[in-house]
Amino acid sequence: MTLSVLCIPVLFGWLRKVDAENWPNWRGPAHNGSSSEINLPTLFSKEKNVRWVADLAGEGASTPCVWSERVFVTSVVFGEDAFEEGKLVMQCFDRKNGKLLWERSRAGRVRLDERSTTASPSPACDGKRVIFFFGTCDLFAFSLNGEPLWQKKLTPDAHYLAFLWTFASSPLLEANRVYLPILQRDTSFVHNGLARGEPSKTDNQSYLLCLDAATGEEIWRQHRPSEAVAESREAFGTVVPFTHDGVTQLLVAGGDCLTAHDPKNGREVWRWGTWNPERIGHWRLVPTPCPGAGLVVIPAPKKAPVYGVYLGGSGDLGEESLAWKTDPDEATSDVSSALFYEGRFYLVDGDRRDKALVCLDPADGKVIWRGALETRDKMEAAPTGGDGKIYMIDHGGKVFVARAGGSAFELLHQVEMGERGDEPIRSSVVAAGGGIFLRIGARLYHIGRE
């Protein structure tokens, strides 16, 4: 690992304004893509306002996790054959100067399909430990100083979960527990020469898993049934906690429906669905649900509408619990998760020809404004909100900065941060520690304010 220094210079819901905030998991401190950071940069480039840039061990789509003076990130290192065994790498950097503090690695398969790597799930930290997870279903827990605490594999050796693509859900670390949604196909099969699911089983259950963060021991496993078929049973999102009317629950999306669960035992509290009444078989779900303004917003796949569902229900929810759905010609998102920031929802519509940032009114789901983003590349990374700005990135590493709020779209900055070979970039921008962090291929940038 080499380092280039270019310039030296827990609760759910809203947090007070601070100069340096943690980013403890994939969707940030509020679990909705927003940060209360102030003094974040607007203008920057590969040289301008870069505090440091560090070389990572390898590539990956995981978003960095920041806790106090430490930055955690995962990567993979390829072996001679990309589909054979390589290395799963976990690194910790000093937030102030980008120095590598420690690195741990384990042998493991780095690719299960041709489009992604097993370093797609993002790490999570609670100030006592950091949890790393890979698409191989290997979980690792370390102290913040890198001492191993425990490790666990969720599937038998030489078997993987029943997904056509590489499993990529990030762990939720909350209240000394680790939560993972395992929403998979109900039948076993072989793809790319690898066993998906357990052949000895006639049916693979989908479930919500809860582990003791201190030991890795299973606390509970809650079966999550689904009427979805084939690939539509597969989901790649993350468990999201939310508190409504003083009650905390866990949101899970996938299998053609949205559910809320009791964190104590995983019991299903309510269920809403479906965005797929015809039971189309290829509607896998990638986005993570986003709560805000008394709603949870979830985009349906394949250029379908975005749905806003009221929080606080119980049992099987009917159409009265649907607050609104968008016109998909105006607002849709196949992969990117929604952002809730300063009272509005934001979506990156990044799968069709004309890419755009869309601002939605929580009251009725109407588009307040839609702003064009000039790129030919796909945009799959979730947007990030902080300091009155929205940060976005495309597959090639082009970063966009837009002004949040207002009655019209205002683009503040756009800059090419990627190089040939970096794509596809799927890691979200992180707002923490008085700046932003960009994972561009196998490099990690820390950028401060001008």
Protein backbone atom coordinates (compact mmCIF):
# COMPACT_ATOMS: atom_id res chain seq x y z
CA MET A 1 0.00 0.00 0.00
CA THR A 2 1.39 3.39 -0.97
CA LEU A 3 0.16 6.75 0.16
CA SER A 4 0.26 10.10 -1.59
CA VAL A 5 -0.38 13.18 0.53
CA LEU A 6 -1.52 15.93 -1.82
CA CYS A 7 -2.63 18.47 0.73
CA ILE A 8 -2.29 18.50 4.51
CA PRO A 9 -4.50 20.56 5.97
CA VAL A 10 -26.80 5.95 18.50
CA LEU A 11 -29.83 7.03 17.75
CA PHE A 12 -32.28 6.82 14.83
CA GLY A 13 -33.46 10.03 13.21
CA TRP A 14 -32.08 13.54 12.99
CA LEU A 15 -28.80 14.40 14.70
CA ARG A 16 -27.59 17.83 15.77
CA LYS A 17 -25.30 19.86 13.52
CA VAL A 18 -21.64 18.96 14.05
CA ASP A 19 -18.37 19.57 12.25
CA ALA A 20 -17.23 15.94 12.30
CA GLU A 21 -19.71 13.09 12.30
CA ASN A 22 -19.29 9.33 11.95
CA TRP A 23 -20.50 7.33 8.97
CA PRO A 24 -21.01 3.99 10.76
CA ASN A 25 -22.67 1.94 8.02
CA TRP A 26 -23.57 1.93 4.35
CA ARG A 27 -26.43 4.49 4.52
CA GLY A 28 -24.88 6.69 7.18
CA PRO A 29 -25.75 7.78 10.73
CA ALA A 30 -29.47 8.32 10.03
CA HIS A 31 -29.78 5.17 7.85
CA ASN A 32 -31.22 7.24 4.99
CA GLY A 33 -28.12 8.55 3.18
CA SER A 34 -27.97 11.88 5.02
CA SER A 35 -25.41 13.47 7.30
CA SER A 36 -25.52 16.50 9.58
CA GLU A 37 -21.95 17.38 8.57
CA ILE A 38 -21.26 21.04 7.78
CA ASN A 39 -18.38 22.64 5.86
CA LEU A 40 -18.35 19.92 3.20
CA PRO A 41 -16.53 20.63 -0.09
CA THR A 42 -18.26 21.86 -3.22
CA LEU A 43 -15.35 22.34 -5.63
CA PHE A 44 -12.65 19.67 -5.95
CA SER A 45 -10.72 17.54 -8.43
CA LYS A 46 -8.00 14.88 -8.36
CA GLU A 47 -5.65 17.57 -7.04
CA LYS A 48 -7.80 20.39 -5.69
CA ASN A 49 -8.79 20.21 -1.99
CA VAL A 50 -7.58 16.60 -1.67
CA ARG A 51 -6.36 16.00 1.88
CA TRP A 52 -4.96 12.61 0.96
CA VAL A 53 -5.38 9.70 -1.42
CA ALA A 54 -4.47 6.14 -0.46
CA ASP A 55 -4.08 3.04 -2.60
CA LEU A 56 -6.43 0.24 -1.56
CA ALA A 57 -5.49 -3.43 -1.65
CA GLY A 58 -7.78 -4.04 -4.61
CA GLU A 59 -11.16 -3.30 -6.13
CA GLY A 60 -14.66 -3.56 -4.71
CA ALA A 61 -18.02 -1.81 -4.54
CA SER A 62 -18.21 -1.44 -0.76
CA THR A 63 -18.70 2.03 0.68
CA PRO A 64 -16.15 3.07 3.35
CA CYS A 65 -17.22 3.20 6.99
CA VAL A 66 -15.85 6.03 9.18
CA TRP A 67 -15.69 6.06 12.97
CA SER A 68 -13.79 8.85 14.70
CA GLU A 69 -10.18 8.70 13.45
CA ARG A 70 -10.56 5.40 11.55
CA VAL A 71 -11.75 4.58 8.04
CA PHE A 72 -12.64 0.97 7.22
CA VAL A 73 -13.02 -0.53 3.74
CA THR A 74 -13.03 -3.94 2.02
CA SER A 75 -11.48 -5.06 -1.26
CA VAL A 76 -10.62 -8.21 -3.17
CA VAL A 77 -7.32 -9.27 -4.68
CA PHE A 78 -7.64 -11.54 -7.70
CA GLY A 79 -5.79 -14.82 -8.06
CA GLU A 80 -4.61 -16.19 -11.38
CA ASP A 81 -8.21 -17.02 -12.29
CA ALA A 82 -10.81 -14.38 -11.37
CA PHE A 83 -13.38 -17.08 -10.65
CA GLU A 84 -11.04 -19.04 -8.41
CA GLU A 85 -9.76 -18.25 -4.96
CA GLY A 86 -8.09 -14.92 -4.23
CA LYS A 87 -7.98 -12.72 -1.13
CA LEU A 88 -10.69 -10.96 0.84
CA VAL A 89 -9.02 -7.87 2.30
CA MET A 90 -10.10 -5.65 5.21
CA GLN A 91 -8.22 -2.37 5.77
CA CYS A 92 -8.22 0.42 8.34
CA PHE A 93 -6.83 3.88 7.54
CA ASP A 94 -6.08 6.92 9.68
CA ARG A 95 -8.72 9.54 8.90
CA LYS A 96 -6.31 12.44 9.45
CA ASN A 97 -3.55 11.45 7.05
CA GLY A 98 -4.57 8.30 5.16
CA LYS A 99 -1.89 6.12 6.72
CA LEU A 100 -2.66 2.41 6.70
CA LEU A 101 -3.16 1.41 10.35
CA TRP A 102 -3.83 -2.27 9.78
CA GLU A 103 -4.79 -4.82 7.17
CA ARG A 104 -6.27 -8.29 7.53
CA SER A 105 -6.99 -10.78 4.76
CA ARG A 106 -8.45 -14.25 4.28
CA ALA A 107 -8.45 -16.58 1.31
CA GLY A 108 -11.77 -16.59 -0.52
CA ARG A 109 -13.52 -16.48 -3.85
CA VAL A 110 -13.49 -12.97 -5.24
CA ARG A 111 -15.99 -13.30 -8.08
CA LEU A 112 -19.23 -15.26 -8.45
CA ASP A 113 -20.39 -13.50 -11.62
CA GLU A 114 -18.81 -11.35 -14.30
CA ARG A 115 -20.34 -8.04 -13.16
CA SER A 116 -19.28 -7.69 -9.54
CA THR A 117 -16.93 -8.88 -6.82
CA THR A 118 -17.54 -10.31 -3.38
CA ALA A 119 -16.33 -7.02 -1.82
CA SER A 120 -19.69 -5.31 -2.38
CA PRO A 121 -21.18 -5.30 1.15
CA SER A 122 -20.03 -2.31 3.23
CA PRO A 123 -18.50 -2.61 6.72
CA ALA A 124 -20.25 -1.38 9.87
CA CYS A 125 -18.82 -0.01 13.13
CA ASP A 126 -20.30 0.91 16.54
CA GLY A 127 -17.18 2.29 18.22
CA LYS A 128 -16.42 -1.03 19.94
CA ARG A 129 -15.96 -3.32 16.95
CA VAL A 130 -16.06 -3.32 13.17
CA ILE A 131 -17.96 -5.93 11.17
CA PHE A 132 -16.87 -6.94 7.67
CA PHE A 133 -19.02 -9.05 5.35
CA PHE A 134 -18.34 -10.47 1.89
CA GLY A 135 -20.52 -11.98 -0.86
CA THR A 136 -18.99 -15.35 0.00
CA CYS A 137 -21.14 -15.14 3.18
CA ASP A 138 -18.05 -14.75 5.38
CA LEU A 139 -18.50 -12.45 8.40
CA PHE A 140 -15.53 -11.08 10.36
CA ALA A 141 -15.46 -9.03 13.56
CA PHE A 142 -12.39 -7.09 14.71
CA SER A 143 -11.61 -4.58 17.40
CA LEU A 144 -10.92 -1.07 16.15
CA ASN A 145 -7.22 -1.86 16.52
CA GLY A 146 -7.48 -4.94 14.32
CA GLU A 147 -7.58 -7.74 16.89
CA PRO A 148 -9.75 -10.62 15.63
CA LEU A 149 -12.90 -11.15 17.72
CA TRP A 150 -14.81 -13.80 15.77
CA GLN A 151 -15.63 -15.00 12.28
CA LYS A 152 -18.58 -16.90 10.86
CA LYS A 153 -19.64 -18.37 7.53
CA LEU A 154 -23.37 -18.38 6.82
CA THR A 155 -23.30 -21.25 4.32
CA PRO A 156 -21.61 -24.67 4.17
CA ASP A 157 -18.19 -24.79 2.54
CA ALA A 158 -18.28 -24.72 -1.28
CA HIS A 159 -21.91 -23.54 -1.24
CA TYR A 160 -23.35 -20.06 -1.68
CA LEU A 161 -26.74 -18.49 -1.14
CA ALA A 162 -29.37 -19.12 -3.82
CA PHE A 163 -28.74 -15.94 -5.84
CA LEU A 164 -28.17 -15.66 -9.57
CA TRP A 165 -25.87 -12.69 -8.92
CA THR A 166 -23.46 -12.10 -6.05
CA PHE A 167 -25.11 -11.52 -2.67
CA ALA A 168 -24.30 -7.96 -1.60
CA SER A 169 -26.42 -6.94 1.41
CA SER A 170 -24.49 -4.93 4.01
CA PRO A 171 -24.72 -5.78 7.72
CA LEU A 172 -26.60 -3.54 10.13
CA LEU A 173 -24.75 -3.18 13.46
CA GLU A 174 -27.06 -1.75 16.09
CA ALA A 175 -27.46 -2.14 19.88
CA ASN A 176 -24.81 -4.90 20.07
CA ARG A 177 -26.53 -6.93 17.39
CA VAL A 178 -25.76 -7.70 13.74
CA TYR A 179 -28.71 -7.98 11.35
CA LEU A 180 -28.66 -9.44 7.84
CA PRO A 181 -31.53 -10.07 5.39
CA ILE A 182 -31.17 -13.37 3.51
CA LEU A 183 -33.84 -13.08 0.80
CA GLN A 184 -33.02 -15.80 -1.71
CA ARG A 185 -34.57 -18.20 -4.20
CA ASP A 186 -36.50 -21.14 -2.80
CA THR A 187 -34.78 -23.69 -5.07
CA SER A 188 -31.14 -24.72 -5.36
CA PHE A 189 -29.31 -24.50 -8.67
CA VAL A 190 -25.83 -24.32 -10.20
CA HIS A 191 -24.57 -21.16 -11.90
CA ASN A 192 -21.05 -20.47 -13.18
CA GLY A 193 -20.19 -23.93 -11.91
CA LEU A 194 -21.04 -23.01 -8.31
CA ALA A 195 -23.75 -24.52 -6.12
CA ARG A 196 -26.33 -21.87 -5.17
CA GLY A 197 -28.32 -22.95 -2.15
CA GLU A 198 -27.95 -26.31 -0.43
CA PRO A 199 -28.70 -29.25 -2.76
CA SER A 200 -29.68 -31.42 0.20
CA LYS A 201 -32.62 -29.10 0.89
CA THR A 202 -35.83 -29.16 -1.09
CA ASP A 203 -36.40 -25.52 -0.34
CA ASN A 204 -34.16 -22.61 0.67
CA GLN A 205 -35.90 -20.38 3.15
CA SER A 206 -35.58 -16.62 3.09
CA TYR A 207 -35.00 -15.20 6.55
CA LEU A 208 -33.88 -12.31 8.70
CA LEU A 209 -30.81 -13.15 10.78
CA CYS A 210 -29.73 -11.61 14.11
CA LEU A 211 -26.32 -12.31 15.67
CA ASP A 212 -24.66 -11.26 18.92
CA ALA A 213 -22.14 -8.61 17.86
CA ALA A 214 -19.75 -9.58 20.67
CA THR A 215 -19.59 -13.31 19.90
CA GLY A 216 -21.17 -13.98 16.50
CA GLU A 217 -23.64 -16.40 18.09
CA GLU A 218 -27.10 -16.56 16.56
CA ILE A 219 -29.77 -14.81 18.66
CA TRP A 220 -32.70 -15.47 16.35
CA ARG A 221 -33.57 -16.40 12.79
CA GLN A 222 -36.97 -15.29 11.49
CA HIS A 223 -38.44 -16.98 8.41
CA ARG A 224 -39.69 -14.41 5.87
CA PRO A 225 -42.13 -16.02 3.42
CA SER A 226 -42.77 -14.60 -0.03
CA GLU A 227 -45.14 -15.13 -2.95
CA ALA A 228 -42.45 -14.00 -5.41
CA VAL A 229 -41.06 -16.44 -7.95
CA ALA A 230 -37.61 -17.20 -9.35
CA GLU A 231 -35.22 -14.21 -9.42
CA SER A 232 -37.87 -11.89 -7.97
CA ARG A 233 -37.26 -13.59 -4.61
CA GLU A 234 -33.71 -12.20 -4.58
CA ALA A 235 -32.97 -8.91 -2.79
CA PHE A 236 -29.70 -7.08 -2.23
CA GLY A 237 -30.72 -4.32 0.18
CA THR A 238 -29.85 -3.78 3.83
CA VAL A 239 -31.96 -3.94 7.00
CA VAL A 240 -32.97 -0.40 8.00
CA PRO A 241 -34.01 0.60 11.54
CA PHE A 242 -36.60 3.31 12.07
CA THR A 243 -38.52 4.73 15.01
CA HIS A 244 -42.15 5.79 14.59
CA ASP A 245 -44.36 6.95 17.44
CA GLY A 246 -41.65 5.85 19.87
CA VAL A 247 -41.51 2.26 18.53
CA THR A 248 -38.38 0.98 16.79
CA GLN A 249 -38.71 -1.59 14.02
CA LEU A 250 -36.60 -3.03 11.21
CA LEU A 251 -37.48 -2.52 7.55
CA VAL A 252 -36.78 -5.23 4.97
CA ALA A 253 -37.61 -5.01 1.24
CA GLY A 254 -37.59 -7.83 -1.30
CA GLY A 255 -39.57 -10.78 -2.55
CA ASP A 256 -42.12 -8.37 -4.07
CA CYS A 257 -43.04 -6.87 -0.68
CA LEU A 258 -41.99 -4.63 2.19
CA THR A 259 -42.01 -5.82 5.81
CA ALA A 260 -41.33 -4.39 9.28
CA HIS A 261 -39.97 -6.53 12.12
CA ASP A 262 -39.55 -6.41 15.88
CA PRO A 263 -35.78 -6.13 16.56
CA LYS A 264 -36.10 -8.18 19.77
CA ASN A 265 -37.19 -11.39 18.05
CA GLY A 266 -37.62 -10.73 14.32
CA ARG A 267 -41.39 -11.15 14.45
CA GLU A 268 -43.10 -9.62 11.44
CA VAL A 269 -45.17 -6.61 12.53
CA TRP A 270 -46.59 -5.58 9.15
CA ARG A 271 -46.34 -6.33 5.47
CA TRP A 272 -47.15 -4.25 2.42
CA GLY A 273 -47.13 -5.34 -1.22
CA THR A 274 -46.98 -5.83 -3.98
CA TRP A 275 -45.33 -3.78 -6.73
CA ASN A 276 -45.37 -6.99 -8.80
CA PRO A 277 -48.97 -8.28 -8.92
CA GLU A 278 -48.28 -10.27 -12.08
CA ARG A 279 -45.43 -12.11 -10.32
CA ILE A 280 -42.89 -11.36 -13.03
CA GLY A 281 -39.97 -13.68 -12.38
CA HIS A 282 -36.95 -11.43 -13.03
CA TRP A 283 -37.73 -8.47 -10.74
CA ARG A 284 -34.85 -8.89 -8.26
CA LEU A 285 -34.75 -5.94 -5.86
CA VAL A 286 -31.53 -3.98 -5.32
CA PRO A 287 -32.50 -0.72 -3.49
CA THR A 288 -32.67 -0.44 0.29
CA PRO A 289 -35.85 1.08 1.83
CA CYS A 290 -35.54 4.70 2.91
CA PRO A 291 -37.67 6.05 5.82
CA GLY A 292 -38.57 9.69 6.34
CA ALA A 293 -41.52 12.03 6.99
CA GLY A 294 -43.66 9.18 8.34
CA LEU A 295 -43.13 7.12 5.17
CA VAL A 296 -40.84 4.48 3.78
CA VAL A 297 -39.86 4.89 0.13
CA ILE A 298 -38.89 1.90 -1.99
CA PRO A 299 -38.25 1.94 -5.76
CA ALA A 300 -39.59 -1.06 -7.63
CA PRO A 301 -37.21 -2.52 -10.27
CA LYS A 302 -36.98 -2.35 -14.04
CA LYS A 303 -38.27 1.20 -14.64
CA ALA A 304 -41.33 0.63 -12.43
CA PRO A 305 -42.74 3.31 -10.08
CA VAL A 306 -41.33 4.37 -6.74
CA TYR A 307 -43.67 3.68 -3.81
CA GLY A 308 -44.26 5.63 -0.61
CA VAL A 309 -45.84 3.55 2.21
CA TYR A 310 -47.08 4.92 5.54
CA LEU A 311 -45.16 3.78 8.62
CA GLY A 312 -46.86 2.59 11.79
CA GLY A 313 -49.23 -0.08 10.51
CA SER A 314 -49.82 -3.66 11.63
CA GLY A 315 -50.71 -6.92 9.92
CA ASP A 316 -51.28 -7.15 6.17
CA LEU A 317 -51.55 -3.57 4.94
CA GLY A 318 -54.04 -2.69 2.24
CA GLU A 319 -54.07 0.02 -0.40
CA GLU A 320 -54.96 2.60 2.26
CA SER A 321 -51.37 2.29 3.52
CA LEU A 322 -49.97 3.33 0.14
CA ALA A 323 -49.33 7.06 0.39
CA TRP A 324 -48.42 7.44 -3.27
CA LYS A 325 -46.54 6.03 -6.24
CA THR A 326 -44.65 7.96 -8.87
CA ASP A 327 -45.15 8.21 -12.59
CA PRO A 328 -42.21 6.01 -13.73
CA ASP A 329 -41.64 8.31 -16.71
CA GLU A 330 -40.75 11.01 -14.17
CA ALA A 331 -39.17 9.09 -11.29
CA THR A 332 -37.84 5.55 -11.12
CA SER A 333 -34.70 3.79 -9.87
CA ASP A 334 -33.70 0.24 -10.69
CA VAL A 335 -30.59 0.01 -8.48
CA SER A 336 -29.88 3.22 -6.57
CA SER A 337 -31.52 3.64 -3.14
CA ALA A 338 -33.43 6.80 -2.22
CA LEU A 339 -32.07 9.60 -0.01
CA PHE A 340 -34.13 11.49 2.59
CA TYR A 341 -32.55 14.84 3.39
CA GLU A 342 -33.92 18.05 4.91
CA GLY A 343 -37.53 17.02 4.46
CA ARG A 344 -37.40 15.72 0.89
CA PHE A 345 -36.73 12.45 -0.92
CA TYR A 346 -34.14 12.29 -3.70
CA LEU A 347 -33.57 9.63 -6.35
CA VAL A 348 -30.84 9.06 -8.90
CA ASP A 349 -32.57 7.91 -12.07
CA GLY A 350 -29.43 6.39 -13.49
CA ASP A 351 -30.33 3.40 -15.63
CA ARG A 352 -31.82 5.03 -18.71
CA ARG A 353 -30.29 7.23 -21.39
CA ASP A 354 -31.09 10.57 -19.75
CA LYS A 355 -29.66 10.36 -16.21
CA ALA A 356 -31.20 12.67 -13.64
CA LEU A 357 -31.49 13.62 -9.99
CA VAL A 358 -35.15 13.73 -8.96
CA CYS A 359 -36.52 15.63 -5.96
CA LEU A 360 -39.83 14.31 -4.56
CA ASP A 361 -42.38 15.90 -2.24
CA PRO A 362 -43.03 13.46 0.66
CA ALA A 363 -46.65 14.63 0.90
CA ASP A 364 -47.77 13.29 -2.47
CA GLY A 365 -44.71 11.87 -4.27
CA LYS A 366 -44.90 14.57 -6.93
CA VAL A 367 -41.71 15.63 -8.66
CA ILE A 368 -40.61 19.05 -7.39
CA TRP A 369 -37.82 19.15 -9.90
CA ARG A 370 -35.80 16.84 -12.14
CA GLY A 371 -32.23 17.77 -13.02
CA ALA A 372 -30.21 16.35 -15.91
CA LEU A 373 -26.84 14.73 -15.14
CA GLU A 374 -24.49 14.74 -18.12
CA THR A 375 -23.07 11.23 -18.35
CA ARG A 376 -23.35 8.21 -20.61
CA ASP A 377 -22.39 5.85 -17.79
CA LYS A 378 -24.86 4.09 -15.53
CA MET A 379 -25.42 5.53 -12.08
CA GLU A 380 -26.07 2.88 -9.43
CA ALA A 381 -24.51 4.37 -6.29
CA ALA A 382 -26.99 5.83 -3.80
CA PRO A 383 -26.89 9.63 -3.39
CA THR A 384 -25.60 11.29 -0.21
CA GLY A 385 -26.91 14.45 1.44
CA GLY A 386 -24.94 16.84 3.64
CA ASP A 387 -24.26 20.54 4.19
CA GLY A 388 -27.11 21.52 1.89
CA LYS A 389 -25.74 19.49 -1.00
CA ILE A 390 -26.40 16.18 -2.78
CA TYR A 391 -23.38 14.09 -3.86
CA MET A 392 -23.61 11.49 -6.65
CA ILE A 393 -21.18 9.38 -8.69
CA ASP A 394 -21.43 7.41 -11.93
CA HIS A 395 -19.82 4.12 -13.00
CA GLY A 396 -16.84 5.90 -14.52
CA GLY A 397 -16.07 8.02 -11.45
CA LYS A 398 -17.67 11.31 -12.49
CA VAL A 399 -18.90 13.08 -9.35
CA PHE A 400 -21.83 15.49 -9.32
CA VAL A 401 -22.67 18.00 -6.59
CA ALA A 402 -26.14 19.56 -6.60
CA ARG A 403 -27.84 21.99 -4.25
CA ALA A 404 -30.43 20.36 -1.99
CA GLY A 405 -33.93 21.82 -1.72
CA GLY A 406 -35.17 24.78 -3.71
CA SER A 407 -37.77 24.97 -6.44
CA ALA A 408 -35.42 24.06 -9.29
CA PHE A 409 -32.37 21.88 -9.90
CA GLU A 410 -29.01 23.61 -9.43
CA LEU A 411 -25.80 21.79 -10.33
CA LEU A 412 -22.89 23.17 -8.29
CA HIS A 413 -20.03 21.05 -9.59
CA GLN A 414 -19.13 18.06 -11.74
CA VAL A 415 -15.69 16.50 -12.04
CA GLU A 416 -14.07 13.39 -13.49
CA MET A 417 -12.37 11.52 -10.64
CA GLY A 418 -12.06 8.12 -12.33
CA GLU A 419 -9.57 6.64 -14.75
CA ARG A 420 -9.84 3.89 -17.33
CA GLY A 421 -10.12 0.56 -15.56
CA ASP A 422 -11.81 1.95 -12.43
CA GLU A 423 -15.34 1.19 -13.62
CA PRO A 424 -17.88 0.13 -12.56
CA ILE A 425 -17.87 2.41 -9.51
CA ARG A 426 -20.83 1.70 -7.22
CA SER A 427 -19.57 3.00 -3.88
CA SER A 428 -21.57 5.93 -2.47
CA VAL A 429 -19.95 9.20 -1.41
CA VAL A 430 -19.35 9.30 2.36
CA ALA A 431 -19.78 12.54 4.34
CA ALA A 432 -17.87 12.28 7.63
CA GLY A 433 -14.98 13.63 9.64
CA GLY A 434 -15.22 17.15 8.20
CA GLY A 435 -15.02 16.10 4.55
CA ILE A 436 -16.08 13.53 1.98
CA PHE A 437 -14.59 10.15 1.08
CA LEU A 438 -14.62 8.78 -2.47
CA ARG A 439 -13.82 5.20 -3.34
CA ILE A 440 -12.62 5.35 -6.95
CA GLY A 441 -11.53 1.90 -8.12
CA ALA A 442 -8.61 0.89 -5.92
CA ARG A 443 -8.04 4.40 -4.53
CA LEU A 444 -9.57 6.18 -1.56
CA TYR A 445 -9.79 9.99 -1.62
CA HIS A 446 -10.41 12.21 1.40
CA ILE A 447 -11.49 15.66 0.25
CA GLY A 448 -11.97 18.76 2.38
CA ARG A 449 -13.49 22.14 1.90
CA GLU A 450 -11.88 24.78 -0.27
